[in-house]
PDB file of N, CA and C in Angstrom:
ATOM      1  N   MET A   1     -55.740  -9.267 -17.303  1.00  0.00           N
ATOM      2  CA  MET A   1     -55.472  -9.308 -18.730  1.00  0.00           C
ATOM      3  C   MET A   1     -55.183 -10.742 -19.146  1.00  0.00           C
ATOM      4  N   TYR A   2     -55.456 -11.037 -20.388  1.00  0.00           N
ATOM      5  CA  TYR A   2     -55.175 -12.368 -20.886  1.00  0.00           C
ATOM      6  C   TYR A   2     -54.960 -12.332 -22.389  1.00  0.00           C
ATOM      7  N   THR A   3     -54.319 -13.369 -22.881  1.00  0.00           N
ATOM      8  CA  THR A   3     -54.081 -13.486 -24.314  1.00  0.00           C
ATOM      9  C   THR A   3     -53.837 -14.946 -24.660  1.00  0.00           C
ATOM     10  N   ALA A   4     -54.165 -15.312 -25.869  1.00  0.00           N
ATOM     11  CA  ALA A   4     -53.833 -16.637 -26.388  1.00  0.00           C
ATOM     12  C   ALA A   4     -52.604 -16.480 -27.277  1.00  0.00           C
ATOM     13  N   GLN A   5     -51.609 -17.292 -27.056  1.00  0.00           N
ATOM     14  CA  GLN A   5     -50.393 -17.211 -27.842  1.00  0.00           C
ATOM     15  C   GLN A   5     -50.654 -17.710 -29.259  1.00  0.00           C
ATOM     16  N   PRO A   6     -50.038 -17.090 -30.278  1.00  0.00           N
ATOM     17  CA  PRO A   6     -50.241 -17.509 -31.670  1.00  0.00           C
ATOM     18  C   PRO A   6     -49.882 -18.978 -31.912  1.00  0.00           C
ATOM     19  N   GLU A   7     -48.937 -19.506 -31.142  1.00  0.00           N
ATOM     20  CA  GLU A   7     -48.522 -20.900 -31.297  1.00  0.00           C
ATOM     21  C   GLU A   7     -49.509 -21.869 -30.659  1.00  0.00           C
ATOM     22  N   GLY A   8     -50.533 -21.345 -29.975  1.00  0.00           N
ATOM     23  CA  GLY A   8     -51.528 -22.203 -29.340  1.00  0.00           C
ATOM     24  C   GLY A   8     -51.216 -22.553 -27.898  1.00  0.00           C
ATOM     25  N   TYR A   9     -50.183 -21.937 -27.315  1.00  0.00           N
ATOM     26  CA  TYR A   9     -49.830 -22.221 -25.929  1.00  0.00           C
ATOM     27  C   TYR A   9     -50.888 -21.691 -24.977  1.00  0.00           C
ATOM     28  N   LEU A  10     -51.013 -22.362 -23.839  1.00  0.00           N
ATOM     29  CA  LEU A  10     -51.906 -21.882 -22.794  1.00  0.00           C
ATOM     30  C   LEU A  10     -51.380 -20.576 -22.222  1.00  0.00           C
ATOM     31  N   GLU A  11     -52.274 -19.691 -21.877  1.00  0.00           N
ATOM     32  CA  GLU A  11     -51.919 -18.466 -21.170  1.00  0.00           C
ATOM     33  C   GLU A  11     -52.802 -18.414 -19.937  1.00  0.00           C
ATOM     34  N   LEU A  12     -52.213 -18.297 -18.788  1.00  0.00           N
ATOM     35  CA  LEU A  12     -52.961 -18.269 -17.534  1.00  0.00           C
ATOM     36  C   LEU A  12     -52.935 -16.867 -16.960  1.00  0.00           C
ATOM     37  N   GLU A  13     -54.062 -16.411 -16.485  1.00  0.00           N
ATOM     38  CA  GLU A  13     -54.145 -15.120 -15.802  1.00  0.00           C
ATOM     39  C   GLU A  13     -54.609 -15.409 -14.385  1.00  0.00           C
ATOM     40  N   LEU A  14     -53.804 -15.052 -13.438  1.00  0.00           N
ATOM     41  CA  LEU A  14     -54.122 -15.337 -12.043  1.00  0.00           C
ATOM     42  C   LEU A  14     -54.557 -14.063 -11.347  1.00  0.00           C
ATOM     43  N   GLY A  15     -55.714 -14.105 -10.748  1.00  0.00           N
ATOM     44  CA  GLY A  15     -56.160 -12.983  -9.933  1.00  0.00           C
ATOM     45  C   GLY A  15     -55.546 -13.133  -8.554  1.00  0.00           C
ATOM     46  N   ASP A  16     -54.805 -12.156  -8.107  1.00  0.00           N
ATOM     47  CA  ASP A  16     -54.089 -12.288  -6.846  1.00  0.00           C
ATOM     48  C   ASP A  16     -54.755 -11.436  -5.776  1.00  0.00           C
ATOM     49  N   TRP A  17     -55.790 -11.967  -5.172  1.00  0.00           N
ATOM     50  CA  TRP A  17     -56.472 -11.315  -4.070  1.00  0.00           C
ATOM     51  C   TRP A  17     -56.274 -12.161  -2.835  1.00  0.00           C
ATOM     52  N   ARG A  18     -56.058 -11.541  -1.716  1.00  0.00           N
ATOM     53  CA  ARG A  18     -55.757 -12.258  -0.485  1.00  0.00           C
ATOM     54  C   ARG A  18     -56.914 -13.149  -0.032  1.00  0.00           C
ATOM     55  N   ALA A  19     -58.153 -12.738  -0.244  1.00  0.00           N
ATOM     56  CA  ALA A  19     -59.285 -13.511   0.263  1.00  0.00           C
ATOM     57  C   ALA A  19     -59.821 -14.532  -0.741  1.00  0.00           C
ATOM     58  N   GLU A  20     -59.505 -14.405  -2.007  1.00  0.00           N
ATOM     59  CA  GLU A  20     -60.048 -15.301  -3.031  1.00  0.00           C
ATOM     60  C   GLU A  20     -58.971 -15.625  -4.056  1.00  0.00           C
ATOM     61  N   ARG A  21     -59.116 -16.766  -4.709  1.00  0.00           N
ATOM     62  CA  ARG A  21     -58.245 -17.131  -5.830  1.00  0.00           C
ATOM     63  C   ARG A  21     -59.120 -17.479  -7.018  1.00  0.00           C
ATOM     64  N   TYR A  22     -58.933 -16.749  -8.090  1.00  0.00           N
ATOM     65  CA  TYR A  22     -59.623 -17.015  -9.343  1.00  0.00           C
ATOM     66  C   TYR A  22     -58.554 -17.278 -10.392  1.00  0.00           C
ATOM     67  N   ILE A  23     -58.776 -18.255 -11.231  1.00  0.00           N
ATOM     68  CA  ILE A  23     -57.778 -18.635 -12.222  1.00  0.00           C
ATOM     69  C   ILE A  23     -58.446 -18.691 -13.588  1.00  0.00           C
ATOM     70  N   LEU A  24     -57.884 -17.988 -14.566  1.00  0.00           N
ATOM     71  CA  LEU A  24     -58.359 -18.081 -15.944  1.00  0.00           C
ATOM     72  C   LEU A  24     -57.449 -19.036 -16.694  1.00  0.00           C
ATOM     73  N   VAL A  25     -58.039 -20.054 -17.316  1.00  0.00           N
ATOM     74  CA  VAL A  25     -57.274 -21.055 -18.056  1.00  0.00           C
ATOM     75  C   VAL A  25     -58.011 -21.332 -19.360  1.00  0.00           C
ATOM     76  N   TRP A  26     -57.301 -21.284 -20.479  1.00  0.00           N
ATOM     77  CA  TRP A  26     -57.933 -21.666 -21.731  1.00  0.00           C
ATOM     78  C   TRP A  26     -56.901 -22.258 -22.658  1.00  0.00           C
ATOM     79  N   SER A  27     -57.407 -23.036 -23.618  1.00  0.00           N
ATOM     80  CA  SER A  27     -56.546 -23.746 -24.546  1.00  0.00           C
ATOM     81  C   SER A  27     -57.312 -23.989 -25.835  1.00  0.00           C
ATOM     82  N   ASN A  28     -56.589 -24.325 -26.895  1.00  0.00           N
ATOM     83  CA  ASN A  28     -57.231 -24.704 -28.151  1.00  0.00           C
ATOM     84  C   ASN A  28     -57.841 -26.098 -28.064  1.00  0.00           C
ATOM     85  N   THR A  29     -57.437 -26.882 -27.063  1.00  0.00           N
ATOM     86  CA  THR A  29     -58.002 -28.213 -26.832  1.00  0.00           C
ATOM     87  C   THR A  29     -58.671 -28.230 -25.466  1.00  0.00           C
ATOM     88  N   SER A  30     -59.389 -29.299 -25.173  1.00  0.00           N
ATOM     89  CA  SER A  30     -60.142 -29.403 -23.919  1.00  0.00           C
ATOM     90  C   SER A  30     -59.220 -29.434 -22.705  1.00  0.00           C
ATOM     91  N   ILE A  31     -59.580 -28.683 -21.685  1.00  0.00           N
ATOM     92  CA  ILE A  31     -58.848 -28.684 -20.418  1.00  0.00           C
ATOM     93  C   ILE A  31     -59.462 -29.765 -19.541  1.00  0.00           C
ATOM     94  N   VAL A  32     -58.624 -30.689 -19.062  1.00  0.00           N
ATOM     95  CA  VAL A  32     -59.146 -31.804 -18.267  1.00  0.00           C
ATOM     96  C   VAL A  32     -58.863 -31.658 -16.779  1.00  0.00           C
ATOM     97  N   ASN A  33     -57.898 -30.811 -16.411  1.00  0.00           N
ATOM     98  CA  ASN A  33     -57.561 -30.667 -14.999  1.00  0.00           C
ATOM     99  C   ASN A  33     -56.806 -29.360 -14.766  1.00  0.00           C
ATOM    100  N   VAL A  34     -57.104 -28.704 -13.652  1.00  0.00           N
ATOM    101  CA  VAL A  34     -56.356 -27.526 -13.205  1.00  0.00           C
ATOM    102  C   VAL A  34     -56.020 -27.764 -11.737  1.00  0.00           C
ATOM    103  N   SER A  35     -54.734 -27.948 -11.438  1.00  0.00           N
ATOM    104  CA  SER A  35     -54.281 -28.227 -10.075  1.00  0.00           C
ATOM    105  C   SER A  35     -53.546 -27.023  -9.508  1.00  0.00           C
ATOM    106  N   VAL A  36     -53.653 -26.840  -8.176  1.00  0.00           N
ATOM    107  CA  VAL A  36     -53.108 -25.646  -7.529  1.00  0.00           C
ATOM    108  C   VAL A  36     -52.271 -26.038  -6.311  1.00  0.00           C
ATOM    109  N   TRP A  37     -51.110 -25.386  -6.169  1.00  0.00           N
ATOM    110  CA  TRP A  37     -50.236 -25.526  -5.013  1.00  0.00           C
ATOM    111  C   TRP A  37     -49.931 -24.140  -4.466  1.00  0.00           C
ATOM    112  N   ILE A  38     -49.763 -24.034  -3.173  1.00  0.00           N
ATOM    113  CA  ILE A  38     -49.224 -22.825  -2.551  1.00  0.00           C
ATOM    114  C   ILE A  38     -48.047 -23.265  -1.692  1.00  0.00           C
ATOM    115  N   ASP A  39     -46.894 -22.671  -1.955  1.00  0.00           N
ATOM    116  CA  ASP A  39     -45.657 -23.017  -1.239  1.00  0.00           C
ATOM    117  C   ASP A  39     -45.420 -24.522  -1.224  1.00  0.00           C
ATOM    118  N   GLU A  40     -45.561 -25.163  -2.386  1.00  0.00           N
ATOM    119  CA  GLU A  40     -45.328 -26.602  -2.582  1.00  0.00           C
ATOM    120  C   GLU A  40     -46.327 -27.503  -1.859  1.00  0.00           C
ATOM    121  N   THR A  41     -47.385 -26.931  -1.288  1.00  0.00           N
ATOM    122  CA  THR A  41     -48.447 -27.723  -0.665  1.00  0.00           C
ATOM    123  C   THR A  41     -49.611 -27.811  -1.643  1.00  0.00           C
ATOM    124  N   TYR A  42     -49.975 -29.041  -1.999  1.00  0.00           N
ATOM    125  CA  TYR A  42     -51.065 -29.252  -2.951  1.00  0.00           C
ATOM    126  C   TYR A  42     -52.391 -28.890  -2.312  1.00  0.00           C
ATOM    127  N   LEU A  43     -53.135 -27.979  -2.947  1.00  0.00           N
ATOM    128  CA  LEU A  43     -54.436 -27.562  -2.432  1.00  0.00           C
ATOM    129  C   LEU A  43     -55.588 -28.316  -3.067  1.00  0.00           C
ATOM    130  N   GLY A  44     -55.396 -28.815  -4.280  1.00  0.00           N
ATOM    131  CA  GLY A  44     -56.446 -29.574  -4.939  1.00  0.00           C
ATOM    132  C   GLY A  44     -56.700 -29.111  -6.353  1.00  0.00           C
ATOM    133  N   ARG A  45     -57.797 -29.644  -6.901  1.00  0.00           N
ATOM    134  CA  ARG A  45     -58.220 -29.299  -8.252  1.00  0.00           C
ATOM    135  C   ARG A  45     -59.149 -28.094  -8.209  1.00  0.00           C
ATOM    136  N   ALA A  46     -58.884 -27.138  -9.069  1.00  0.00           N
ATOM    137  CA  ALA A  46     -59.793 -25.999  -9.204  1.00  0.00           C
ATOM    138  C   ALA A  46     -61.000 -26.451 -10.019  1.00  0.00           C
ATOM    139  N   ASN A  47     -62.162 -25.922  -9.694  1.00  0.00           N
ATOM    140  CA  ASN A  47     -63.401 -26.279 -10.379  1.00  0.00           C
ATOM    141  C   ASN A  47     -63.765 -25.226 -11.409  1.00  0.00           C
ATOM    142  N   GLN A  48     -64.136 -25.689 -12.582  1.00  0.00           N
ATOM    143  CA  GLN A  48     -64.559 -24.782 -13.644  1.00  0.00           C
ATOM    144  C   GLN A  48     -65.955 -24.267 -13.342  1.00  0.00           C
ATOM    145  N   THR A  49     -66.137 -22.972 -13.490  1.00  0.00           N
ATOM    146  CA  THR A  49     -67.467 -22.397 -13.303  1.00  0.00           C
ATOM    147  C   THR A  49     -68.255 -22.555 -14.595  1.00  0.00           C
ATOM    148  N   SER A  50     -69.567 -22.639 -14.481  1.00  0.00           N
ATOM    149  CA  SER A  50     -70.384 -22.756 -15.689  1.00  0.00           C
ATOM    150  C   SER A  50     -70.654 -21.368 -16.244  1.00  0.00           C
ATOM    151  N   ASN A  51     -70.910 -21.316 -17.517  1.00  0.00           N
ATOM    152  CA  ASN A  51     -71.232 -20.063 -18.183  1.00  0.00           C
ATOM    153  C   ASN A  51     -72.713 -19.799 -17.960  1.00  0.00           C
ATOM    154  N   ALA A  52     -73.026 -18.865 -17.098  1.00  0.00           N
ATOM    155  CA  ALA A  52     -74.418 -18.606 -16.717  1.00  0.00           C
ATOM    156  C   ALA A  52     -75.269 -18.153 -17.893  1.00  0.00           C
ATOM    157  N   SER A  53     -74.664 -17.533 -18.880  1.00  0.00           N
ATOM    158  CA  SER A  53     -75.450 -17.006 -19.996  1.00  0.00           C
ATOM    159  C   SER A  53     -76.024 -18.098 -20.893  1.00  0.00           C
ATOM    160  N   ASN A  54     -75.303 -19.228 -21.014  1.00  0.00           N
ATOM    161  CA  ASN A  54     -75.829 -20.286 -21.879  1.00  0.00           C
ATOM    162  C   ASN A  54     -75.802 -21.672 -21.232  1.00  0.00           C
ATOM    163  N   GLY A  55     -75.411 -21.763 -19.955  1.00  0.00           N
ATOM    164  CA  GLY A  55     -75.434 -23.030 -19.232  1.00  0.00           C
ATOM    165  C   GLY A  55     -74.370 -24.029 -19.645  1.00  0.00           C
ATOM    166  N   THR A  56     -73.344 -23.593 -20.369  1.00  0.00           N
ATOM    167  CA  THR A  56     -72.302 -24.514 -20.810  1.00  0.00           C
ATOM    168  C   THR A  56     -71.089 -24.433 -19.902  1.00  0.00           C
ATOM    169  N   ASP A  57     -70.152 -25.360 -20.112  1.00  0.00           N
ATOM    170  CA  ASP A  57     -68.919 -25.392 -19.331  1.00  0.00           C
ATOM    171  C   ASP A  57     -67.733 -24.855 -20.126  1.00  0.00           C
ATOM    172  N   ASN A  58     -67.960 -23.908 -21.025  1.00  0.00           N
ATOM    173  CA  ASN A  58     -66.854 -23.372 -21.813  1.00  0.00           C
ATOM    174  C   ASN A  58     -66.308 -22.076 -21.231  1.00  0.00           C
ATOM    175  N   ASN A  59     -66.497 -21.869 -19.959  1.00  0.00           N
ATOM    176  CA  ASN A  59     -66.013 -20.678 -19.270  1.00  0.00           C
ATOM    177  C   ASN A  59     -64.571 -20.920 -18.815  1.00  0.00           C
ATOM    178  N   PRO A  60     -63.636 -19.986 -19.050  1.00  0.00           N
ATOM    179  CA  PRO A  60     -62.251 -20.200 -18.640  1.00  0.00           C
ATOM    180  C   PRO A  60     -61.982 -19.915 -17.159  1.00  0.00           C
ATOM    181  N   LEU A  61     -63.025 -19.578 -16.383  1.00  0.00           N
ATOM    182  CA  LEU A  61     -62.829 -19.230 -14.977  1.00  0.00           C
ATOM    183  C   LEU A  61     -62.889 -20.476 -14.097  1.00  0.00           C
ATOM    184  N   TYR A  62     -61.823 -20.700 -13.316  1.00  0.00           N
ATOM    185  CA  TYR A  62     -61.735 -21.808 -12.370  1.00  0.00           C
ATOM    186  C   TYR A  62     -61.586 -21.226 -10.973  1.00  0.00           C
ATOM    187  N   VAL A  63     -62.152 -21.890  -9.976  1.00  0.00           N
ATOM    188  CA  VAL A  63     -62.072 -21.421  -8.593  1.00  0.00           C
ATOM    189  C   VAL A  63     -61.659 -22.574  -7.684  1.00  0.00           C
ATOM    190  N   LEU A  64     -61.040 -22.213  -6.563  1.00  0.00           N
ATOM    191  CA  LEU A  64     -60.616 -23.202  -5.574  1.00  0.00           C
ATOM    192  C   LEU A  64     -60.758 -22.604  -4.184  1.00  0.00           C
ATOM    193  N   PRO A  65     -61.542 -23.248  -3.308  1.00  0.00           N
ATOM    194  CA  PRO A  65     -61.639 -22.758  -1.931  1.00  0.00           C
ATOM    195  C   PRO A  65     -60.296 -22.919  -1.219  1.00  0.00           C
ATOM    196  N   TRP A  66     -59.968 -21.977  -0.373  1.00  0.00           N
ATOM    197  CA  TRP A  66     -58.743 -22.069   0.408  1.00  0.00           C
ATOM    198  C   TRP A  66     -58.856 -21.152   1.603  1.00  0.00           C
ATOM    199  N   SER A  67     -57.920 -21.275   2.530  1.00  0.00           N
ATOM    200  CA  SER A  67     -57.953 -20.490   3.753  1.00  0.00           C
ATOM    201  C   SER A  67     -56.774 -19.515   3.788  1.00  0.00           C
ATOM    202  N   PRO A  68     -56.989 -18.241   3.468  1.00  0.00           N
ATOM    203  CA  PRO A  68     -55.889 -17.279   3.453  1.00  0.00           C
ATOM    204  C   PRO A  68     -55.282 -17.033   4.829  1.00  0.00           C
ATOM    205  N   SER A  69     -56.003 -17.351   5.894  1.00  0.00           N
ATOM    206  CA  SER A  69     -55.468 -17.127   7.242  1.00  0.00           C
ATOM    207  C   SER A  69     -54.279 -18.037   7.544  1.00  0.00           C
ATOM    208  N   GLN A  70     -54.083 -19.087   6.749  1.00  0.00           N
ATOM    209  CA  GLN A  70     -52.956 -19.997   6.963  1.00  0.00           C
ATOM    210  C   GLN A  70     -51.652 -19.470   6.377  1.00  0.00           C
ATOM    211  N   LEU A  71     -51.713 -18.368   5.638  1.00  0.00           N
ATOM    212  CA  LEU A  71     -50.520 -17.815   5.004  1.00  0.00           C
ATOM    213  C   LEU A  71     -50.044 -16.571   5.720  1.00  0.00           C
ATOM    214  N   VAL A  72     -48.723 -16.429   5.787  1.00  0.00           N
ATOM    215  CA  VAL A  72     -48.118 -15.235   6.365  1.00  0.00           C
ATOM    216  C   VAL A  72     -47.029 -14.780   5.402  1.00  0.00           C
ATOM    217  N   GLY A  73     -47.058 -13.516   5.019  1.00  0.00           N
ATOM    218  CA  GLY A  73     -46.031 -12.992   4.128  1.00  0.00           C
ATOM    219  C   GLY A  73     -46.207 -13.461   2.693  1.00  0.00           C
ATOM    220  N   ALA A  74     -45.110 -13.406   1.936  1.00  0.00           N
ATOM    221  CA  ALA A  74     -45.137 -13.782   0.522  1.00  0.00           C
ATOM    222  C   ALA A  74     -45.211 -15.296   0.367  1.00  0.00           C
ATOM    223  N   SER A  75     -45.919 -15.732  -0.657  1.00  0.00           N
ATOM    224  CA  SER A  75     -46.059 -17.156  -0.948  1.00  0.00           C
ATOM    225  C   SER A  75     -45.911 -17.371  -2.443  1.00  0.00           C
ATOM    226  N   THR A  76     -45.682 -18.621  -2.821  1.00  0.00           N
ATOM    227  CA  THR A  76     -45.575 -18.986  -4.223  1.00  0.00           C
ATOM    228  C   THR A  76     -46.811 -19.766  -4.629  1.00  0.00           C
ATOM    229  N   LEU A  77     -47.482 -19.294  -5.664  1.00  0.00           N
ATOM    230  CA  LEU A  77     -48.664 -19.959  -6.206  1.00  0.00           C
ATOM    231  C   LEU A  77     -48.259 -20.680  -7.484  1.00  0.00           C
ATOM    232  N   ARG A  78     -48.563 -21.987  -7.564  1.00  0.00           N
ATOM    233  CA  ARG A  78     -48.266 -22.772  -8.764  1.00  0.00           C
ATOM    234  C   ARG A  78     -49.566 -23.365  -9.294  1.00  0.00           C
ATOM    235  N   VAL A  79     -49.814 -23.176 -10.574  1.00  0.00           N
ATOM    236  CA  VAL A  79     -51.007 -23.715 -11.223  1.00  0.00           C
ATOM    237  C   VAL A  79     -50.554 -24.550 -12.409  1.00  0.00           C
ATOM    238  N   GLU A  80     -51.069 -25.775 -12.504  1.00  0.00           N
ATOM    239  CA  GLU A  80     -50.778 -26.642 -13.642  1.00  0.00           C
ATOM    240  C   GLU A  80     -52.081 -26.999 -14.326  1.00  0.00           C
ATOM    241  N   ALA A  81     -52.138 -26.775 -15.625  1.00  0.00           N
ATOM    242  CA  ALA A  81     -53.310 -27.138 -16.416  1.00  0.00           C
ATOM    243  C   ALA A  81     -52.943 -28.313 -17.313  1.00  0.00           C
ATOM    244  N   THR A  82     -53.802 -29.323 -17.337  1.00  0.00           N
ATOM    245  CA  THR A  82     -53.626 -30.489 -18.195  1.00  0.00           C
ATOM    246  C   THR A  82     -54.685 -30.430 -19.287  1.00  0.00           C
ATOM    247  N   VAL A  83     -54.245 -30.601 -20.527  1.00  0.00           N
ATOM    248  CA  VAL A  83     -55.177 -30.552 -21.648  1.00  0.00           C
ATOM    249  C   VAL A  83     -55.281 -31.920 -22.309  1.00  0.00           C
ATOM    250  N   SER A  84     -56.377 -32.128 -23.016  1.00  0.00           N
ATOM    251  CA  SER A  84     -56.618 -33.381 -23.717  1.00  0.00           C
ATOM    252  C   SER A  84     -55.811 -33.417 -25.008  1.00  0.00           C
ATOM    253  N   CYS A  85     -55.170 -34.541 -25.268  1.00  0.00           N
ATOM    254  CA  CYS A  85     -54.438 -34.703 -26.529  1.00  0.00           C
ATOM    255  C   CYS A  85     -55.389 -34.966 -27.686  1.00  0.00           C
ATOM    256  N   ASN A  86     -56.630 -35.333 -27.371  1.00  0.00           N
ATOM    257  CA  ASN A  86     -57.606 -35.667 -28.408  1.00  0.00           C
ATOM    258  C   ASN A  86     -58.493 -34.496 -28.774  1.00  0.00           C
ATOM    259  N   GLY A  87     -58.247 -33.333 -28.152  1.00  0.00           N
ATOM    260  CA  GLY A  87     -59.057 -32.160 -28.453  1.00  0.00           C
ATOM    261  C   GLY A  87     -60.307 -32.211 -27.687  1.00  0.00           C
TER     262      GLY A  87
END
């Protein structure tokens, strides 16, 4: 599920599957970076997928390769999205 806040705040929807990580990120302004950490370990920048229907990059789906075999038990996932101040 996802929603855009009336005030224009970002709303993130995280798919929590053990074998894959998918992140939905959207904003009223351009998103310039989506960074991901698990248990305070930086995993890298998530890559925006292209919109296959029209070939544009306005898709809110971001993906990041990772190795679930390195995790045991509960973990903390942190996602930070940076947006452009210029729109």
